[in-house]
N, C-alpha and C. Protein backbone atom coordinates (compact mmCIF):
# COMPACT_ATOMS: atom_id res chain seq x y z
N MET A 1 195.00 -9.58 189.27
CA MET A 1 194.63 -8.34 188.56
C MET A 1 195.84 -7.81 187.87
N LYS A 2 195.68 -7.27 186.69
CA LYS A 2 196.73 -6.73 185.90
C LYS A 2 197.25 -5.37 186.53
N ASN A 3 198.53 -5.28 186.72
CA ASN A 3 199.05 -4.11 187.35
C ASN A 3 199.45 -3.01 186.40
N VAL A 4 199.61 -3.28 185.09
CA VAL A 4 200.06 -2.27 184.18
C VAL A 4 198.88 -2.13 183.01
N ARG A 5 198.56 -0.84 182.81
CA ARG A 5 197.55 -0.57 181.82
C ARG A 5 198.12 0.44 180.84
N THR A 6 197.62 0.43 179.59
CA THR A 6 197.99 1.46 178.67
C THR A 6 196.67 2.22 178.30
N LEU A 7 196.78 3.51 178.19
CA LEU A 7 195.65 4.38 177.81
C LEU A 7 196.12 5.05 176.56
N ARG A 8 195.32 4.85 175.46
CA ARG A 8 195.80 5.40 174.21
C ARG A 8 194.63 5.95 173.46
N GLY A 9 194.86 6.92 172.61
CA GLY A 9 193.81 7.50 171.77
C GLY A 9 194.25 8.62 170.98
N LYS A 10 193.33 9.45 170.51
CA LYS A 10 193.63 10.61 169.66
C LYS A 10 193.02 11.82 170.36
N ILE A 11 193.84 12.97 170.42
CA ILE A 11 193.28 14.15 170.86
C ILE A 11 193.29 15.20 169.70
N ARG A 12 192.24 15.78 169.41
CA ARG A 12 192.19 16.77 168.36
C ARG A 12 192.51 18.14 168.89
N GLY A 13 193.16 18.99 168.22
CA GLY A 13 193.52 20.31 168.64
C GLY A 13 192.31 21.11 168.99
N THR A 14 191.13 20.83 168.50
CA THR A 14 189.92 21.58 168.75
C THR A 14 189.31 21.12 170.10
N GLU A 15 189.81 20.00 170.66
CA GLU A 15 189.17 19.50 171.90
C GLU A 15 189.65 20.17 173.16
N ASN A 16 190.94 20.68 173.11
CA ASN A 16 191.59 21.28 174.30
C ASN A 16 192.05 20.26 175.30
N PHE A 17 191.12 19.41 175.85
CA PHE A 17 191.55 18.38 176.72
C PHE A 17 190.68 17.16 176.60
N ARG A 18 191.17 16.07 177.02
CA ARG A 18 190.45 14.72 177.06
C ARG A 18 190.73 14.11 178.37
N ARG A 19 189.68 13.52 179.02
CA ARG A 19 189.78 12.76 180.30
C ARG A 19 190.11 11.34 179.95
N LEU A 20 191.23 10.91 180.66
CA LEU A 20 191.75 9.52 180.41
C LEU A 20 191.30 8.58 181.49
N ILE A 21 191.39 9.04 182.75
CA ILE A 21 190.99 8.12 183.82
C ILE A 21 189.88 8.97 184.62
N ALA A 22 188.77 8.41 184.86
CA ALA A 22 187.71 9.01 185.65
C ALA A 22 187.74 8.50 187.04
N ASP A 23 187.47 9.31 188.00
CA ASP A 23 187.45 9.02 189.42
C ASP A 23 186.47 7.83 189.69
N ASP A 24 186.98 6.72 190.24
CA ASP A 24 186.18 5.51 190.53
C ASP A 24 185.76 5.36 191.93
N GLY A 25 186.09 6.37 192.77
CA GLY A 25 185.70 6.37 194.18
C GLY A 25 186.57 5.43 195.04
N GLN A 26 187.56 4.79 194.49
CA GLN A 26 188.43 3.92 195.27
C GLN A 26 189.69 4.74 195.65
N PHE A 27 189.78 5.12 196.95
CA PHE A 27 190.89 5.99 197.35
C PHE A 27 192.02 5.16 197.76
N ASP A 28 191.94 3.84 197.86
CA ASP A 28 193.07 2.96 198.28
C ASP A 28 193.78 2.39 197.04
N VAL A 29 193.35 2.83 195.85
CA VAL A 29 194.01 2.38 194.64
C VAL A 29 194.32 3.62 193.77
N GLY A 30 195.64 3.76 193.30
CA GLY A 30 196.05 4.83 192.44
C GLY A 30 196.75 4.20 191.24
N TYR A 31 197.17 5.14 190.36
CA TYR A 31 197.90 4.72 189.20
C TYR A 31 199.15 5.65 188.99
N LYS A 32 200.30 5.03 189.01
CA LYS A 32 201.58 5.76 188.75
C LYS A 32 201.77 5.81 187.25
N VAL A 33 201.97 6.99 186.76
CA VAL A 33 202.19 7.09 185.32
C VAL A 33 203.67 6.87 185.13
N THR A 34 204.00 5.87 184.22
CA THR A 34 205.33 5.47 184.04
C THR A 34 205.84 5.91 182.64
N ASN A 35 204.96 6.22 181.73
CA ASN A 35 205.35 6.67 180.40
C ASN A 35 204.33 7.53 179.78
N PHE A 36 204.68 8.56 178.99
CA PHE A 36 203.79 9.40 178.23
C PHE A 36 204.43 9.69 176.94
N GLN A 37 203.73 9.29 175.82
CA GLN A 37 204.31 9.48 174.53
C GLN A 37 203.22 10.04 173.62
N ALA A 38 203.62 10.69 172.49
CA ALA A 38 202.68 11.21 171.53
C ALA A 38 203.38 11.42 170.19
N VAL A 39 202.53 11.25 169.22
CA VAL A 39 203.00 11.49 167.79
C VAL A 39 201.93 12.27 167.07
N PRO A 40 202.36 13.09 166.12
CA PRO A 40 201.34 13.84 165.39
C PRO A 40 200.56 12.91 164.50
N ALA A 41 199.24 13.12 164.45
CA ALA A 41 198.36 12.26 163.68
C ALA A 41 198.57 12.41 162.16
N SER A 42 199.15 13.54 161.73
CA SER A 42 199.46 13.74 160.33
C SER A 42 200.87 14.32 160.24
N GLY A 43 201.42 14.36 159.09
CA GLY A 43 202.78 14.91 158.95
C GLY A 43 202.83 16.39 158.93
N ALA A 44 201.70 17.12 158.82
CA ALA A 44 201.72 18.52 158.65
C ALA A 44 201.24 19.26 159.87
N GLY A 45 201.76 20.40 160.14
CA GLY A 45 201.30 21.39 161.20
C GLY A 45 201.61 20.95 162.67
N TRP A 46 202.53 20.06 162.86
CA TRP A 46 202.78 19.58 164.20
C TRP A 46 203.89 20.43 164.92
N THR A 47 204.60 21.27 164.28
CA THR A 47 205.62 21.99 164.95
C THR A 47 205.15 23.04 165.91
N ASP A 48 205.95 23.33 166.85
CA ASP A 48 205.63 24.30 167.92
C ASP A 48 204.22 23.95 168.60
N ALA A 49 204.15 22.69 168.94
CA ALA A 49 202.98 22.19 169.59
C ALA A 49 203.33 21.60 170.94
N SER A 50 202.40 21.45 171.88
CA SER A 50 202.64 20.84 173.16
C SER A 50 201.47 20.07 173.62
N LEU A 51 201.83 19.05 174.39
CA LEU A 51 200.82 18.24 175.03
C LEU A 51 201.12 18.19 176.54
N ILE A 52 200.17 18.20 177.42
CA ILE A 52 200.27 18.19 178.83
C ILE A 52 199.46 17.07 179.46
N LEU A 53 200.04 16.38 180.39
CA LEU A 53 199.29 15.33 181.17
C LEU A 53 199.04 16.01 182.57
N ALA A 54 197.86 15.99 182.97
CA ALA A 54 197.41 16.68 184.25
C ALA A 54 196.47 15.84 185.07
N THR A 55 196.52 16.09 186.35
CA THR A 55 195.67 15.28 187.23
C THR A 55 194.36 16.07 187.61
N ASN A 56 194.15 17.28 187.06
CA ASN A 56 192.99 18.07 187.34
C ASN A 56 192.78 19.04 186.24
N VAL A 57 191.59 19.53 186.10
CA VAL A 57 191.30 20.53 185.09
C VAL A 57 192.11 21.81 185.40
N THR A 58 193.06 22.12 184.45
CA THR A 58 193.90 23.33 184.73
C THR A 58 193.43 24.54 184.07
N GLY A 59 192.58 24.40 182.96
CA GLY A 59 192.11 25.53 182.28
C GLY A 59 193.08 26.22 181.35
N THR A 60 194.19 25.55 181.12
CA THR A 60 195.19 26.15 180.25
C THR A 60 195.92 25.04 179.50
N THR A 61 196.38 25.44 178.31
CA THR A 61 197.33 24.55 177.57
C THR A 61 198.71 25.00 177.59
N GLN A 62 199.03 25.91 178.52
CA GLN A 62 200.38 26.44 178.70
C GLN A 62 201.10 25.56 179.67
N ILE A 63 202.31 25.23 179.34
CA ILE A 63 203.26 24.41 180.20
C ILE A 63 203.66 25.20 181.36
N ASN A 64 203.51 24.57 182.58
CA ASN A 64 203.91 25.27 183.81
C ASN A 64 204.26 24.19 184.79
N ALA A 65 205.61 23.99 184.95
CA ALA A 65 206.08 22.97 185.88
C ALA A 65 205.87 23.35 187.31
N GLU A 66 205.51 24.59 187.71
CA GLU A 66 205.16 24.97 189.06
C GLU A 66 203.83 24.43 189.45
N ASP A 67 202.94 24.12 188.45
CA ASP A 67 201.64 23.69 188.74
C ASP A 67 201.66 22.16 189.00
N ASN A 68 201.37 21.78 190.25
CA ASN A 68 201.38 20.36 190.66
C ASN A 68 200.38 19.53 189.91
N ARG A 69 199.41 20.17 189.29
CA ARG A 69 198.43 19.36 188.57
C ARG A 69 199.00 18.86 187.22
N GLN A 70 200.02 19.53 186.72
CA GLN A 70 200.70 19.08 185.51
C GLN A 70 201.84 18.16 185.88
N ILE A 71 201.69 16.92 185.32
CA ILE A 71 202.71 15.94 185.63
C ILE A 71 203.58 15.37 184.48
N GLY A 72 203.17 15.73 183.27
CA GLY A 72 203.91 15.28 182.02
C GLY A 72 203.78 16.30 180.93
N TRP A 73 204.87 16.45 180.17
CA TRP A 73 204.91 17.47 179.10
C TRP A 73 205.58 16.91 177.82
N ILE A 74 205.02 17.15 176.66
CA ILE A 74 205.70 16.86 175.46
C ILE A 74 205.63 18.17 174.59
N VAL A 75 206.83 18.55 174.07
CA VAL A 75 206.89 19.76 173.27
C VAL A 75 207.43 19.39 171.89
N PHE A 76 206.77 19.70 170.84
CA PHE A 76 207.24 19.46 169.50
C PHE A 76 207.75 20.84 168.97
N GLY A 77 209.09 20.97 168.72
CA GLY A 77 209.61 22.25 168.28
C GLY A 77 210.12 22.17 166.81
N THR A 78 210.13 23.30 166.14
CA THR A 78 210.52 23.42 164.76
C THR A 78 211.96 23.02 164.66
N ASN A 79 212.89 23.53 165.44
CA ASN A 79 214.26 23.29 165.20
C ASN A 79 214.86 22.29 166.25
N ASP A 80 214.34 22.21 167.34
CA ASP A 80 214.89 21.33 168.45
C ASP A 80 214.30 19.94 168.50
N GLY A 81 213.38 19.62 167.70
CA GLY A 81 212.79 18.24 167.71
C GLY A 81 211.76 18.17 168.88
N THR A 82 211.73 16.97 169.48
CA THR A 82 210.77 16.71 170.53
C THR A 82 211.41 16.62 171.86
N VAL A 83 210.88 17.30 172.89
CA VAL A 83 211.30 17.23 174.20
C VAL A 83 210.17 16.76 175.11
N SER A 84 210.49 15.81 176.04
CA SER A 84 209.39 15.37 176.88
C SER A 84 209.96 15.15 178.32
N MET A 85 209.05 15.36 179.26
CA MET A 85 209.38 15.20 180.68
C MET A 85 208.18 14.56 181.38
N LEU A 86 208.46 13.80 182.39
CA LEU A 86 207.43 13.17 183.21
C LEU A 86 207.88 13.12 184.66
N ASP A 87 206.96 13.67 185.52
CA ASP A 87 207.26 13.71 186.93
C ASP A 87 207.20 12.19 187.45
N PRO A 88 208.23 11.65 187.94
CA PRO A 88 208.28 10.27 188.34
C PRO A 88 207.53 10.00 189.72
N ASP A 89 207.23 11.13 190.46
CA ASP A 89 206.74 10.96 191.80
C ASP A 89 205.21 11.39 191.93
N HIS A 90 204.40 10.93 190.94
CA HIS A 90 203.00 11.32 190.95
C HIS A 90 202.14 10.05 190.83
N VAL A 91 201.14 9.90 191.67
CA VAL A 91 200.24 8.80 191.57
C VAL A 91 198.86 9.42 191.47
N VAL A 92 198.07 8.91 190.46
CA VAL A 92 196.81 9.47 190.13
C VAL A 92 195.79 8.70 190.97
N VAL A 93 194.95 9.42 191.77
CA VAL A 93 193.95 8.80 192.58
C VAL A 93 192.55 9.10 191.90
N ASN A 94 192.42 10.25 191.45
CA ASN A 94 191.07 10.72 190.88
C ASN A 94 191.01 10.69 189.45
N ASP A 95 191.36 11.76 188.71
CA ASP A 95 191.29 11.89 187.26
C ASP A 95 192.61 12.12 186.67
N LEU A 96 192.71 11.80 185.38
CA LEU A 96 193.87 12.13 184.51
C LEU A 96 193.41 12.73 183.24
N TYR A 97 194.06 13.80 182.79
CA TYR A 97 193.60 14.48 181.54
C TYR A 97 194.87 14.62 180.66
N VAL A 98 194.64 14.70 179.31
CA VAL A 98 195.70 15.09 178.38
C VAL A 98 195.19 16.39 177.74
N TYR A 99 196.05 17.41 177.68
CA TYR A 99 195.75 18.68 177.03
C TYR A 99 196.55 18.81 175.72
N CYS A 100 195.96 19.50 174.74
CA CYS A 100 196.66 19.71 173.48
C CYS A 100 196.73 21.18 173.25
N GLY A 101 197.95 21.72 173.12
CA GLY A 101 198.16 23.14 172.82
C GLY A 101 198.51 23.35 171.42
N ALA A 102 197.80 22.80 170.42
CA ALA A 102 197.96 22.98 169.02
C ALA A 102 196.70 22.87 168.25
N ALA A 103 196.64 23.28 166.98
CA ALA A 103 195.53 23.12 166.21
C ALA A 103 195.46 21.72 165.48
N THR A 104 196.46 20.95 165.61
CA THR A 104 196.51 19.64 164.89
C THR A 104 196.18 18.50 165.87
N SER A 105 195.96 17.31 165.40
CA SER A 105 195.69 16.16 166.24
C SER A 105 196.94 15.37 166.55
N PHE A 106 196.88 14.72 167.68
CA PHE A 106 197.97 13.89 168.14
C PHE A 106 197.43 12.53 168.66
N ASP A 107 198.18 11.49 168.35
CA ASP A 107 197.89 10.15 168.96
C ASP A 107 198.80 10.07 170.23
N TYR A 108 198.20 9.59 171.33
CA TYR A 108 198.98 9.51 172.61
C TYR A 108 198.92 8.11 173.14
N LEU A 109 199.95 7.82 174.00
CA LEU A 109 199.99 6.56 174.64
C LEU A 109 200.50 6.89 176.13
N VAL A 110 199.71 6.47 177.10
CA VAL A 110 200.08 6.67 178.50
C VAL A 110 200.07 5.33 179.18
N THR A 111 201.16 5.00 179.80
CA THR A 111 201.31 3.76 180.52
C THR A 111 201.19 4.06 182.06
N VAL A 112 200.28 3.21 182.77
CA VAL A 112 200.12 3.41 184.20
C VAL A 112 200.30 2.13 184.94
N GLU A 113 200.70 2.23 186.14
CA GLU A 113 200.90 0.99 186.95
C GLU A 113 200.02 1.14 188.16
N ARG A 114 199.25 0.14 188.42
CA ARG A 114 198.34 0.15 189.63
C ARG A 114 199.10 0.11 190.89
N VAL A 115 198.74 0.91 191.83
CA VAL A 115 199.40 1.07 193.12
C VAL A 115 198.40 0.99 194.27
N GLU A 116 198.67 0.15 195.27
CA GLU A 116 197.83 0.10 196.49
C GLU A 116 198.29 1.19 197.40
N LEU A 117 197.35 1.96 197.99
CA LEU A 117 197.67 3.07 198.79
C LEU A 117 197.05 2.93 200.23
N THR A 118 197.83 3.43 201.20
CA THR A 118 197.23 3.55 202.55
C THR A 118 196.43 4.78 202.59
N ASP A 119 195.66 5.00 203.67
CA ASP A 119 194.82 6.17 203.83
C ASP A 119 195.63 7.49 203.71
N ASN A 120 196.81 7.42 204.44
CA ASN A 120 197.64 8.63 204.45
C ASN A 120 198.18 8.94 203.07
N GLU A 121 198.68 7.91 202.40
CA GLU A 121 199.26 8.13 201.07
C GLU A 121 198.19 8.70 200.07
N SER A 122 196.99 8.18 200.17
CA SER A 122 195.87 8.60 199.42
C SER A 122 195.62 10.06 199.52
N VAL A 123 195.52 10.53 200.76
CA VAL A 123 195.32 11.92 201.08
C VAL A 123 196.38 12.77 200.49
N ILE A 124 197.67 12.39 200.62
CA ILE A 124 198.79 13.22 200.10
C ILE A 124 198.66 13.33 198.64
N HIS A 125 198.37 12.25 197.97
CA HIS A 125 198.28 12.22 196.44
C HIS A 125 197.10 13.12 196.01
N MET A 126 195.98 12.99 196.76
CA MET A 126 194.80 13.85 196.36
C MET A 126 195.09 15.33 196.50
N ILE A 127 195.88 15.70 197.56
CA ILE A 127 196.25 17.09 197.66
C ILE A 127 197.15 17.53 196.60
N LYS A 128 198.13 16.74 196.19
CA LYS A 128 199.00 17.05 195.06
C LYS A 128 198.22 17.20 193.75
N GLU A 129 197.11 16.43 193.57
CA GLU A 129 196.32 16.54 192.36
C GLU A 129 195.64 17.86 192.28
N ARG A 130 195.36 18.56 193.37
CA ARG A 130 194.70 19.87 193.38
C ARG A 130 195.70 20.95 193.45
N SER A 131 196.96 20.70 193.22
CA SER A 131 198.00 21.66 193.25
C SER A 131 198.05 22.37 194.59
N GLN A 132 197.82 21.51 195.72
CA GLN A 132 197.79 21.95 197.07
C GLN A 132 196.98 23.24 197.31
N ASP A 133 195.73 23.23 196.77
CA ASP A 133 194.90 24.32 196.89
C ASP A 133 193.46 23.86 197.09
N ASP A 134 192.55 24.78 197.27
CA ASP A 134 191.14 24.32 197.48
C ASP A 134 190.50 24.09 196.12
N LEU A 135 189.27 23.51 196.13
CA LEU A 135 188.62 23.11 194.93
C LEU A 135 188.05 24.33 194.16
N ASN A 136 187.83 25.42 194.77
CA ASN A 136 187.23 26.54 194.15
C ASN A 136 188.01 27.54 193.48
N ARG A 137 189.38 27.31 193.52
CA ARG A 137 190.25 28.31 192.90
C ARG A 137 190.25 28.24 191.38
N GLN A 138 190.14 29.42 190.81
CA GLN A 138 190.17 29.52 189.34
C GLN A 138 191.63 29.56 188.83
N PRO A 139 191.94 28.81 187.79
CA PRO A 139 193.28 28.75 187.27
C PRO A 139 193.74 30.11 186.70
C-alpha cells in the first residue's frame, strides 16, 4: 500500500472551509501531514490572506496556534511575502480541513504519510484533534 498521498484542490474564499480527509472509522491508521502549500488562484486580491489546516471544525478563519485543532498556517502578506508553519507532531485520525480567510480563491497541496497506530497512540491523537476538550464545546 502506498504510504504517501497528496491532497490537492481549490478553496474559494466564499466556502470558508473544505473537508480533505473524512473519518473512515479506522482508528489504527492515521496520516501525518508532512507538507502544506498554497498559491493564489489568480494574481489579484491575494494579499493579507490566510489559510489554516485543521483537524476539526473550528468555526473560525482566525489563526490561533493555541488551538490544537489548527496544525498548519499560511499567511500571504502585503509587505512581508508568504509565511507558513506546520506542526510536525500531528497525526490525523479522523478529519482534516482547510480554511480560507480571504475573499479570493487558493489552490492548495497537502502531503500526508500513512502511519500505523497502536490503540494508545490513536486515543492520544484523537484527543489532540478535539483540542483536548469535549465534543459539545462551541468555538
